[in-house]
Amino acid sequence: MSISDPTEVLLASDRWASGNILDACVKLSPEEFTKPFEIGRGSLQASMLHIIGAIRGWSDALRGGEIRPRLEETLKNPTAAELKPLLEEVATEFASQVRAGKPEETITRERGGKTYTFTRGAVAAHVMTHGFHTRAQCLNMLRHLGVKPLPSSSVLEWMLTMNPPT
């Protein structure tokens, strides 16, 4: 597989990396998945739910329709196995919304009583870099839980997986 468009690389590697984190989390006990840490959202469960929720929320903004309620408010105590198909669903939807318009097109979003205007390209960049940042926190939590090896999560690791040496 050879993808050269930076947006497509980031969309594919972002989905892959979040899936790898969830795959590692599926092997944890419920106590480990929800264990509090003094980093990020406070647990692997909350962090992965936040990543998925952010993807879904920004997908709604790109679509221009009604913003659905935040997943963090509607999903109570999901397991990693339950989050995996939800990740696939929202990642597919987000990729479709990113591709549905030109990067320079603008969208408007209201948040906290204020209205903001962003380019579609900036939204795509934000969502994917947000995922990288939050997954790094998840890797640290997994490390503290003694998970070895840690799941692959970088764009380079994705490239090596997609294009193995010959």
Foldseek 3Di string as FASTA:
>chain_A
DDDDPVLVLLLVLLLVQLLLLLVLQLPDDLCLQQPADPDDPGGNVRLSLVLLQLLQQLLCQLVVHDRDPGSVVVDDSDGSVRVSVSSVVSSVSSVCSLVPDDQQDWTWDDDPNDIDIDGSVVSSVVSSVSSVVSVVVSQVSCVVVVDPPGGDRDSVVVVCVVPPDD
